[in-house]
C-alpha atoms as a PDB file:
ATOM      1  CA  MET A   1      -3.136  -1.564  23.698  1.00  0.00           C
ATOM      2  CA  VAL A   2      -5.996  -4.479  24.187  1.00  0.00           C
ATOM      3  CA  ILE A   3      -4.787  -5.683  20.287  1.00  0.00           C
ATOM      4  CA  PRO A   4      -1.303  -6.662  20.828  1.00  0.00           C
ATOM      5  CA  TYR A   5      -2.212  -8.497  24.310  1.00  0.00           C
ATOM      6  CA  SER A   6      -4.465 -10.338  22.195  1.00  0.00           C
ATOM      7  CA  LEU A   7      -2.303 -11.393  19.996  1.00  0.00           C
ATOM      8  CA  TRP A   8       0.182 -12.534  22.559  1.00  0.00           C
ATOM      9  CA  ALA A   9      -2.604 -14.419  24.155  1.00  0.00           C
ATOM     10  CA  LEU A  10      -3.643 -15.874  21.075  1.00  0.00           C
ATOM     11  CA  SER A  11       0.023 -17.074  20.573  1.00  0.00           C
ATOM     12  CA  HIS A  12       0.519 -18.526  24.038  1.00  0.00           C
ATOM     13  CA  LEU A  13      -2.946 -20.578  23.587  1.00  0.00           C
ATOM     14  CA  ARG A  14      -2.067 -21.897  20.200  1.00  0.00           C
ATOM     15  CA  ARG A  15       0.927 -22.921  21.706  1.00  0.00           C
ATOM     16  CA  ALA A  16      -1.063 -24.975  24.511  1.00  0.00           C
ATOM     17  CA  GLY A  17      -3.252 -26.672  22.071  1.00  0.00           C
ATOM     18  CA  LEU A  18      -6.493 -24.823  22.134  1.00  0.00           C
ATOM     19  CA  PRO A  19      -8.923 -25.211  18.777  1.00  0.00           C
ATOM     20  CA  PRO A  20      -8.536 -22.826  16.067  1.00  0.00           C
ATOM     21  CA  ALA A  21     -12.075 -22.530  16.281  1.00  0.00           C
ATOM     22  CA  SER A  22     -11.715 -21.424  19.753  1.00  0.00           C
ATOM     23  CA  ARG A  23      -9.315 -19.163  19.060  1.00  0.00           C
ATOM     24  CA  ALA A  24     -11.405 -17.538  15.920  1.00  0.00           C
ATOM     25  CA  LEU A  25     -14.501 -17.155  18.364  1.00  0.00           C
ATOM     26  CA  GLY A  26     -12.484 -14.922  20.753  1.00  0.00           C
ATOM     27  CA  LEU A  27     -10.756 -12.779  18.131  1.00  0.00           C
ATOM     28  CA  ALA A  28     -14.421 -12.276  16.624  1.00  0.00           C
ATOM     29  CA  LEU A  29     -15.900 -11.025  19.500  1.00  0.00           C
ATOM     30  CA  LEU A  30     -12.780  -8.567  20.031  1.00  0.00           C
ATOM     31  CA  PRO A  31     -14.301  -5.500  18.518  1.00  0.00           C
ATOM     32  CA  LEU A  32     -17.679  -6.225  20.284  1.00  0.00           C
ATOM     33  CA  ALA A  33     -15.702  -6.677  24.092  1.00  0.00           C
ATOM     34  CA  THR A  34     -13.324  -3.118  23.042  1.00  0.00           C
ATOM     35  CA  GLY A  35     -16.399  -1.185  22.191  1.00  0.00           C
ATOM     36  CA  THR A  36     -18.564  -2.404  25.184  1.00  0.00           C
ATOM     37  CA  VAL A  37     -15.456  -0.984  27.638  1.00  0.00           C
ATOM     38  CA  HIS A  38     -15.361   1.937  25.967  1.00  0.00           C
ATOM     39  CA  THR A  39     -18.587   2.898  26.047  1.00  0.00           C
ATOM     40  CA  LEU A  40     -19.141   1.940  29.229  1.00  0.00           C
ATOM     41  CA  ALA A  41     -15.795   4.295  30.252  1.00  0.00           C
ATOM     42  CA  ARG A  42     -17.348   6.962  28.395  1.00  0.00           C
ATOM     43  CA  ARG A  43     -20.494   7.287  30.515  1.00  0.00           C
ATOM     44  CA  LEU A  44     -19.062   6.565  33.743  1.00  0.00           C
ATOM     45  CA  THR A  45     -16.538   9.236  33.284  1.00  0.00           C
ATOM     46  CA  ARG A  46     -19.501  11.416  31.617  1.00  0.00           C
ATOM     47  CA  THR A  47     -21.761  10.845  34.706  1.00  0.00           C
ATOM     48  CA  ALA A  48     -18.594  11.540  37.396  1.00  0.00           C
ATOM     49  CA  ARG A  49     -18.060  15.020  35.391  1.00  0.00           C
ATOM     50  CA  GLN A  50     -21.748  15.721  35.710  1.00  0.00           C
ATOM     51  CA  ALA A  51     -21.887  14.796  39.322  1.00  0.00           C
ATOM     52  CA  ALA A  52     -18.768  17.329  39.944  1.00  0.00           C
END
């Protein structure tokens, strides 16, 4: 779900005139951000299951 939204956001930013370097940096950081969110979610749900 993240990648389609990111592509939509990049197209809007391109139309708004954001410099290409900024868009490239954001796209390059997408896998890092996605991995971080998934890792945090896994740890939080694991902790919640162990507490129950």
